[in-house]
């Protein structure tokens, strides 16, 4: 008898479990949802609604409107959409979508027909992650144009009754700005905010340089409304040369340094290149008699930095070759006047220009410094037994 009672109890419990999971909806609770859940439309205007039915095999619905006085209508356009046509006067309506399979399940939406209309500038609202944008509103249909603002992500600042500054979150996505009318708190408008991901890429990724050598960097920014960047370096100097390029001069001390570019409008996004500085800085060249390939020995070439400090010297050998080891970043050079014997004039020719050692500061400028600076072409110095050289035309150092 006891066994039979237990058996019957198990059957009852099993029946309850089966009944709870039945209904043809796959085990989930039936639900009907209408979107949007709230809309504001102008008189005689229209708007569309979408219905989603879950938990029921039959997803069909019937649409209805309240009050149903004929001033406004709701008309299905397909199995999941319906079109609301507003009345000619201000009124609030309730739109209901009722399940055909289970009439106890329905979804609702509220429609406010109002003369009050709100738009924003800019429209649409699109910006990069972490960027900010100033948003202003235009309110029509009422004398009270004041509004209030709220967002579901990001932050608001500089808030007035007609404008606000919005700062996007760092995570890309679509967010919502809600604007509430002060004239009628029930009238609210929502505006999508598209936040794009930001990427930044500095090239080259890494580079090895000699002390004082130079390197041009490029940067590419995507996703930001404002692609401008801010450059910085932990050693040496970095100078912007265009919107996407910068010129770097390595420090005179060996070490590992970095060059960084940050998105100016969203500094969280940045990229860094590694710069390894090693080796020595030199100036290498050759001095010959004018019009020949004969080297001139015993001449001293002095090298100066941008502040006219002497940073190294080199003396020509029997072949006229010299190497000057430098302690800084070279900017110019000249032949030392006192090292020129009476066999030569106190002038020399290089790269299309004449220079005079008798004029203080008459030097040859160094451009495109690379660490091992090799002069292109020979330095020519005229014999004093020949005709005098022309006046100096260089002196650009």
Protein backbone atom coordinates (compact mmCIF):
# COMPACT_ATOMS: atom_id res chain seq x y z
CA UNK A 1 0.00 0.00 0.00
CA UNK A 2 2.85 2.34 0.91
CA UNK A 3 4.65 1.58 -2.33
CA UNK A 4 1.52 2.45 -4.30
CA UNK A 5 1.14 5.76 -2.48
CA UNK A 6 4.76 6.71 -3.22
CA UNK A 7 4.29 5.71 -6.87
CA UNK A 8 1.19 7.90 -7.19
CA UNK A 9 2.99 10.84 -5.55
CA UNK A 10 5.88 10.55 -8.01
CA UNK A 11 3.44 10.45 -10.89
CA UNK A 12 1.77 13.64 -9.64
CA UNK A 13 5.13 15.43 -9.27
CA UNK A 14 6.22 14.27 -12.72
CA UNK A 15 2.96 15.53 -14.18
CA UNK A 16 3.52 18.93 -12.58
CA UNK A 17 7.05 19.17 -14.00
CA UNK A 18 5.86 18.20 -17.47
CA UNK A 19 3.00 20.69 -17.27
CA UNK A 20 5.35 23.52 -16.25
CA UNK A 21 7.55 22.82 -19.26
CA UNK A 22 4.74 22.45 -21.78
CA UNK A 23 2.88 24.93 -23.93
CA UNK A 24 4.91 24.55 -27.15
CA UNK A 25 7.31 27.40 -26.30
CA UNK A 26 10.49 25.43 -25.80
CA UNK A 27 10.42 25.81 -22.00
CA UNK A 28 10.78 29.65 -21.83
CA UNK A 29 8.12 31.92 -20.39
CA UNK A 30 5.97 33.45 -23.16
CA UNK A 31 6.70 37.13 -23.72
CA UNK A 32 5.56 39.85 -26.09
CA UNK A 33 7.74 42.95 -26.43
CA UNK A 34 7.02 46.10 -28.45
CA UNK A 35 9.81 48.49 -29.43
CA UNK A 36 10.23 51.31 -29.03
CA UNK A 37 8.41 51.33 -25.71
CA UNK A 38 7.81 55.08 -26.01
CA UNK A 39 7.64 57.47 -28.95
CA UNK A 40 6.89 61.13 -29.46
CA UNK A 41 5.48 62.15 -32.83
CA UNK A 42 4.14 65.36 -34.29
CA UNK A 43 0.42 65.69 -35.15
CA UNK A 44 -0.49 63.88 -38.38
CA UNK A 45 2.93 62.21 -38.44
CA UNK A 46 3.65 58.49 -38.24
CA UNK A 47 6.09 56.09 -36.68
CA UNK A 48 6.81 52.34 -36.83
CA UNK A 49 6.75 49.70 -34.10
CA UNK A 50 8.30 46.24 -33.96
CA UNK A 51 7.01 43.24 -31.99
CA UNK A 52 9.00 40.24 -30.79
CA UNK A 53 7.27 37.11 -29.43
CA UNK A 54 9.28 34.54 -27.47
CA UNK A 55 8.23 31.34 -25.74
CA UNK A 56 5.38 30.62 -28.15
CA UNK A 57 5.45 28.60 -31.36
CA UNK A 58 2.90 30.93 -32.96
CA UNK A 59 4.47 34.42 -33.06
CA UNK A 60 1.47 36.19 -34.62
CA UNK A 61 -0.09 39.14 -32.80
CA UNK A 62 -3.05 41.47 -33.12
CA UNK A 63 -2.53 45.22 -32.80
CA UNK A 64 -4.83 47.62 -30.98
CA UNK A 65 -4.86 51.26 -29.89
CA UNK A 66 -6.33 53.09 -26.92
CA UNK A 67 -8.21 55.37 -26.96
CA UNK A 68 -9.69 53.91 -30.12
CA UNK A 69 -11.73 56.93 -31.17
CA UNK A 70 -10.60 56.96 -34.79
CA UNK A 71 -8.30 59.95 -34.31
CA UNK A 72 -5.20 57.75 -34.63
CA UNK A 73 -4.58 54.31 -36.09
CA UNK A 74 -2.22 51.36 -35.80
CA UNK A 75 -1.89 49.21 -38.94
CA UNK A 76 0.18 46.03 -39.35
CA UNK A 77 2.67 46.23 -42.21
CA UNK A 78 3.97 42.66 -41.87
CA UNK A 79 4.07 39.90 -39.25
CA UNK A 80 6.42 41.83 -36.92
CA UNK A 81 5.78 45.51 -37.72
CA UNK A 82 2.97 48.05 -37.49
CA UNK A 83 2.59 51.68 -38.51
CA UNK A 84 1.14 54.28 -36.14
CA UNK A 85 -0.59 57.25 -37.74
CA UNK A 86 -0.98 60.18 -35.34
CA UNK A 87 -4.03 62.29 -34.71
CA UNK A 88 -4.29 65.92 -35.75
CA UNK A 89 -4.25 67.11 -32.14
CA UNK A 90 -2.08 66.43 -29.12
CA UNK A 91 -2.98 63.18 -27.35
CA UNK A 92 -1.40 60.20 -25.59
CA UNK A 93 -2.08 56.68 -26.89
CA UNK A 94 -1.28 53.14 -25.81
CA UNK A 95 -0.31 50.64 -28.48
CA UNK A 96 -0.86 46.97 -27.62
CA UNK A 97 0.35 43.84 -29.41
CA UNK A 98 -1.56 40.74 -28.15
CA UNK A 99 -0.44 37.15 -28.78
CA UNK A 100 -2.81 35.13 -30.97
CA UNK A 101 -1.64 31.88 -29.35
CA UNK A 102 -2.04 33.19 -25.79
CA UNK A 103 -4.23 36.30 -25.51
CA UNK A 104 -3.13 36.75 -21.88
CA UNK A 105 0.31 37.78 -23.18
CA UNK A 106 0.78 41.24 -24.66
CA UNK A 107 3.31 44.04 -25.06
CA UNK A 108 2.61 47.75 -24.85
CA UNK A 109 4.07 51.04 -26.02
CA UNK A 110 3.17 54.65 -25.33
CA UNK A 111 2.84 57.24 -28.08
CA UNK A 112 2.69 60.92 -27.25
CA UNK A 113 1.38 63.12 -30.04
CA UNK A 114 2.88 66.51 -29.31
CA UNK A 115 3.61 69.77 -31.06
CA UNK A 116 6.90 69.82 -29.17
CA UNK A 117 9.73 68.53 -31.35
CA UNK A 118 13.41 68.36 -30.47
CA UNK A 119 16.41 67.97 -32.76
CA UNK A 120 20.14 68.09 -32.07
CA UNK A 121 23.24 69.54 -33.65
CA UNK A 122 25.28 67.62 -34.68
CA UNK A 123 23.02 64.97 -36.12
CA UNK A 124 23.87 62.16 -36.26
CA UNK A 125 26.15 62.15 -33.22
CA UNK A 126 29.32 60.25 -34.10
CA UNK A 127 32.69 60.41 -32.36
CA UNK A 128 35.66 58.30 -31.32
CA UNK A 129 36.08 56.50 -28.01
CA UNK A 130 37.03 58.96 -25.27
CA UNK A 131 36.42 62.01 -27.46
CA UNK A 132 34.11 64.90 -26.58
CA UNK A 133 31.49 66.71 -28.62
CA UNK A 134 29.34 69.78 -27.94
CA UNK A 135 25.64 69.11 -28.54
CA UNK A 136 22.96 71.80 -28.86
CA UNK A 137 19.20 71.39 -29.14
CA UNK A 138 16.50 73.03 -31.20
CA UNK A 139 13.02 72.90 -29.63
CA UNK A 140 9.89 73.82 -31.62
CA UNK A 141 6.19 73.78 -30.82
CA UNK A 142 6.48 75.56 -27.47
CA UNK A 143 7.69 78.85 -26.08
CA UNK A 144 9.68 77.02 -23.40
CA UNK A 145 12.74 75.70 -25.21
CA UNK A 146 14.55 74.52 -22.09
CA UNK A 147 15.56 70.87 -21.87
CA UNK A 148 17.42 68.47 -19.59
CA UNK A 149 19.82 65.71 -20.64
CA UNK A 150 20.71 62.17 -19.63
CA UNK A 151 22.88 59.42 -21.14
CA UNK A 152 23.23 55.70 -20.59
CA UNK A 153 27.04 55.78 -20.94
CA UNK A 154 29.73 58.46 -21.05
CA UNK A 155 29.64 61.72 -19.12
CA UNK A 156 27.96 65.11 -19.47
CA UNK A 157 29.52 68.49 -18.63
CA UNK A 158 29.08 72.19 -19.42
CA UNK A 159 25.33 71.61 -19.11
CA UNK A 160 22.96 74.47 -19.96
CA UNK A 161 19.24 74.52 -20.68
CA UNK A 162 19.90 74.13 -24.41
CA UNK A 163 23.32 72.49 -24.78
CA UNK A 164 25.72 69.99 -23.24
CA UNK A 165 29.20 68.57 -23.75
CA UNK A 166 29.28 64.79 -24.09
CA UNK A 167 32.40 62.70 -23.47
CA UNK A 168 32.25 59.22 -24.91
CA UNK A 169 33.26 56.12 -22.98
CA UNK A 170 36.47 54.33 -23.93
CA UNK A 171 34.51 51.31 -25.14
CA UNK A 172 33.10 51.59 -28.67
CA UNK A 173 29.38 50.99 -29.18
CA UNK A 174 26.02 52.65 -29.70
CA UNK A 175 24.70 54.65 -26.76
CA UNK A 176 21.66 56.85 -26.13
CA UNK A 177 21.25 60.52 -25.33
CA UNK A 178 17.83 61.35 -23.88
CA UNK A 179 16.53 64.91 -24.05
CA UNK A 180 13.59 65.88 -21.81
CA UNK A 181 11.36 68.86 -22.57
CA UNK A 182 10.94 71.27 -19.66
CA UNK A 183 7.59 72.38 -21.10
CA UNK A 184 6.19 68.84 -20.87
CA UNK A 185 8.25 66.28 -18.87
CA UNK A 186 6.41 63.46 -20.64
CA UNK A 187 7.91 64.54 -23.95
CA UNK A 188 11.34 62.94 -24.33
CA UNK A 189 13.43 62.31 -27.40
CA UNK A 190 16.24 59.78 -27.68
CA UNK A 191 19.20 60.13 -30.01
CA UNK A 192 21.71 57.37 -30.82
CA UNK A 193 25.38 58.12 -30.21
CA UNK A 194 27.81 56.12 -32.29
CA UNK A 195 31.19 55.70 -30.59
CA UNK A 196 33.85 54.34 -32.93
CA UNK A 197 36.98 52.49 -31.79
CA UNK A 198 40.21 54.50 -32.08
CA UNK A 199 43.50 53.04 -33.25
CA UNK A 200 46.88 54.72 -33.60
CA UNK A 201 50.04 53.35 -35.22
CA UNK A 202 53.51 54.95 -35.19
CA UNK A 203 56.09 53.85 -37.76
CA UNK A 204 58.79 52.69 -37.60
CA UNK A 205 58.04 50.49 -34.57
CA UNK A 206 61.70 50.60 -33.54
CA UNK A 207 64.91 52.07 -34.91
CA UNK A 208 68.61 52.14 -34.09
CA UNK A 209 70.46 55.46 -34.40
CA UNK A 210 73.85 56.93 -33.73
CA UNK A 211 74.07 59.82 -31.24
CA UNK A 212 72.62 62.95 -32.80
CA UNK A 213 71.28 61.09 -35.83
CA UNK A 214 67.83 61.85 -37.21
CA UNK A 215 64.74 59.83 -38.07
CA UNK A 216 61.34 60.75 -39.51
CA UNK A 217 58.30 59.13 -37.90
CA UNK A 218 54.79 58.76 -39.31
CA UNK A 219 51.50 58.20 -37.50
CA UNK A 220 48.12 56.88 -38.67
CA UNK A 221 44.95 57.47 -36.62
CA UNK A 222 41.57 55.90 -37.37
CA UNK A 223 38.18 56.26 -35.70
CA UNK A 224 38.74 59.71 -34.18
CA UNK A 225 36.81 62.80 -35.24
CA UNK A 226 40.02 64.75 -34.70
CA UNK A 227 43.08 62.74 -35.83
CA UNK A 228 45.60 65.31 -34.52
CA UNK A 229 48.34 63.87 -32.31
CA UNK A 230 50.75 65.09 -29.63
CA UNK A 231 54.37 63.90 -29.93
CA UNK A 232 56.81 63.34 -27.08
CA UNK A 233 60.22 61.72 -26.59
CA UNK A 234 62.04 60.48 -23.49
CA UNK A 235 65.36 61.57 -25.00
CA UNK A 236 66.34 63.74 -27.94
CA UNK A 237 63.86 66.05 -29.61
CA UNK A 238 60.74 65.37 -31.68
CA UNK A 239 59.24 68.09 -33.88
CA UNK A 240 55.99 67.77 -35.87
CA UNK A 241 56.51 68.40 -39.57
CA UNK A 242 52.94 67.75 -40.74
CA UNK A 243 49.66 66.34 -39.45
CA UNK A 244 51.03 62.80 -39.78
CA UNK A 245 54.84 63.14 -39.54
CA UNK A 246 57.49 64.26 -37.06
CA UNK A 247 61.27 64.72 -37.19
CA UNK A 248 63.36 63.18 -34.41
CA UNK A 249 66.93 64.05 -33.41
CA UNK A 250 68.59 61.46 -31.18
CA UNK A 251 70.37 62.58 -28.00
CA UNK A 252 74.16 62.63 -27.79
CA UNK A 253 74.15 59.97 -25.05
CA UNK A 254 73.76 56.28 -25.86
CA UNK A 255 70.72 54.51 -24.41
CA UNK A 256 67.20 53.28 -25.09
CA UNK A 257 64.56 55.95 -25.61
CA UNK A 258 60.98 56.15 -26.81
CA UNK A 259 58.96 58.32 -29.18
CA UNK A 260 55.23 58.47 -28.41
CA UNK A 261 52.24 59.88 -30.27
CA UNK A 262 48.93 60.39 -28.42
CA UNK A 263 45.55 61.17 -29.96
CA UNK A 264 45.05 64.78 -28.83
CA UNK A 265 41.28 64.48 -28.49
CA UNK A 266 41.51 61.16 -26.59
CA UNK A 267 44.98 60.85 -25.01
CA UNK A 268 44.31 57.36 -23.65
CA UNK A 269 45.02 56.10 -27.15
CA UNK A 270 48.73 56.23 -27.94
CA UNK A 271 51.50 54.29 -29.63
CA UNK A 272 55.22 54.20 -28.91
CA UNK A 273 58.33 53.51 -30.97
CA UNK A 274 61.58 52.37 -29.34
CA UNK A 275 64.80 54.18 -30.25
CA UNK A 276 68.15 52.59 -29.49
CA UNK A 277 71.05 55.06 -29.55
CA UNK A 278 74.57 53.61 -29.73
CA UNK A 279 77.95 54.15 -31.39
CA UNK A 280 79.89 57.36 -31.91
CA UNK A 281 79.32 60.47 -33.95
CA UNK A 282 81.91 61.41 -36.56
CA UNK A 283 82.55 63.68 -39.51
CA UNK A 284 84.53 62.08 -42.35
CA UNK A 285 85.89 63.80 -45.43
CA UNK A 286 88.85 64.61 -47.72
CA UNK A 287 90.67 67.80 -48.69
CA UNK A 288 92.41 68.04 -52.09
CA UNK A 289 94.21 70.70 -54.09
CA UNK A 290 91.73 72.58 -56.28
CA UNK A 291 91.18 70.92 -59.62
CA UNK A 292 93.11 67.76 -58.70
CA UNK A 293 92.76 64.58 -56.65
CA UNK A 294 95.94 65.28 -54.69
CA UNK A 295 95.29 65.19 -50.96
CA UNK A 296 96.43 67.98 -48.67
CA UNK A 297 97.83 66.93 -45.29
CA UNK A 298 98.05 68.77 -41.98
CA UNK A 299 94.76 70.68 -42.24
CA UNK A 300 92.52 70.74 -39.16
CA UNK A 301 88.75 70.64 -39.62
CA UNK A 302 86.79 71.98 -36.64
CA UNK A 303 83.18 70.89 -36.06
CA UNK A 304 80.60 72.91 -34.12
CA UNK A 305 77.17 72.26 -32.64
CA UNK A 306 74.09 74.46 -33.13
CA UNK A 307 75.31 76.79 -30.35
CA UNK A 308 78.72 77.26 -32.04
CA UNK A 309 80.46 75.12 -29.43
CA UNK A 310 83.49 73.22 -30.71
CA UNK A 311 82.59 69.51 -30.38
CA UNK A 312 85.47 67.86 -32.22
CA UNK A 313 88.29 68.20 -34.72
CA UNK A 314 90.08 66.06 -37.27
CA UNK A 315 93.39 66.51 -39.11
CA UNK A 316 94.02 65.42 -42.69
CA UNK A 317 96.56 62.66 -43.31
CA UNK A 318 98.93 62.32 -46.24
CA UNK A 319 96.02 61.39 -48.52
CA UNK A 320 93.96 64.35 -47.37
CA UNK A 321 91.50 62.16 -45.44
CA UNK A 322 90.27 63.09 -41.98
CA UNK A 323 87.92 61.74 -39.30
CA UNK A 324 86.62 64.03 -36.54
CA UNK A 325 85.24 62.27 -33.47
CA UNK A 326 82.46 64.37 -32.01
CA UNK A 327 81.09 64.85 -28.52
CA UNK A 328 77.78 66.32 -29.60
CA UNK A 329 75.42 66.83 -32.50
CA UNK A 330 77.16 68.56 -35.42
CA UNK A 331 75.68 71.61 -37.11
CA UNK A 332 78.60 73.07 -39.10
CA UNK A 333 82.33 72.79 -39.86
CA UNK A 334 85.25 74.83 -41.17
CA UNK A 335 88.99 74.50 -41.89
CA UNK A 336 90.98 76.02 -39.04
CA UNK A 337 92.71 79.14 -40.34
CA UNK A 338 95.96 78.57 -38.45
CA UNK A 339 96.40 75.08 -39.94
CA UNK A 340 96.63 76.37 -43.52
CA UNK A 341 100.22 76.82 -44.71
CA UNK A 342 101.38 79.69 -46.88
CA UNK A 343 101.26 77.35 -49.85
CA UNK A 344 97.46 77.73 -49.93
CA UNK A 345 94.96 80.53 -49.91
CA UNK A 346 92.84 81.02 -46.79
CA UNK A 347 89.76 79.91 -48.75
CA UNK A 348 88.23 76.60 -49.79
CA UNK A 349 85.51 75.34 -52.09
CA UNK A 350 82.86 72.76 -51.15
CA UNK A 351 79.59 71.65 -52.72
CA UNK A 352 79.30 74.63 -55.09
CA UNK A 353 80.24 77.40 -52.63
CA UNK A 354 83.38 79.27 -51.56
CA UNK A 355 84.27 79.81 -47.89
CA UNK A 356 86.88 82.02 -46.24
CA UNK A 357 88.76 81.08 -43.06
CA UNK A 358 89.44 84.79 -42.50
CA UNK A 359 85.75 85.42 -41.72
CA UNK A 360 84.63 84.37 -38.25
CA UNK A 361 81.74 81.93 -38.41
CA UNK A 362 82.06 81.30 -42.14
CA UNK A 363 81.21 77.61 -41.91
CA UNK A 364 79.64 74.83 -43.95
CA UNK A 365 76.25 73.80 -42.58
CA UNK A 366 75.62 70.11 -41.89
CA UNK A 367 72.19 68.80 -42.84
CA UNK A 368 70.73 65.31 -42.62
CA UNK A 369 72.99 64.21 -39.75
CA UNK A 370 73.19 60.39 -39.56
CA UNK A 371 75.84 59.69 -36.91
CA UNK A 372 78.63 58.70 -39.33
CA UNK A 373 78.57 61.90 -41.38
CA UNK A 374 80.47 61.42 -44.62
CA UNK A 375 80.93 64.54 -46.69
CA UNK A 376 79.72 64.12 -50.25
CA UNK A 377 82.51 65.19 -52.56
CA UNK A 378 85.95 66.57 -51.71
CA UNK A 379 86.87 69.86 -50.09
CA UNK A 380 89.07 71.82 -52.52
CA UNK A 381 91.69 74.33 -51.40
CA UNK A 382 93.56 76.46 -53.98
CA UNK A 383 97.35 76.86 -54.14
CA UNK A 384 98.53 80.39 -53.38
CA UNK A 385 100.69 80.24 -56.51
CA UNK A 386 97.56 80.33 -58.63
CA UNK A 387 94.96 83.07 -59.20
CA UNK A 388 93.15 84.29 -56.08
CA UNK A 389 89.82 82.63 -55.31
CA UNK A 390 86.51 84.48 -55.71
CA UNK A 391 84.76 86.06 -52.70
CA UNK A 392 83.02 83.62 -50.33
CA UNK A 393 79.49 82.62 -51.33
CA UNK A 394 78.75 80.07 -48.58
CA UNK A 395 79.21 81.00 -44.95
CA UNK A 396 75.92 79.28 -44.09
CA UNK A 397 77.09 77.61 -40.88
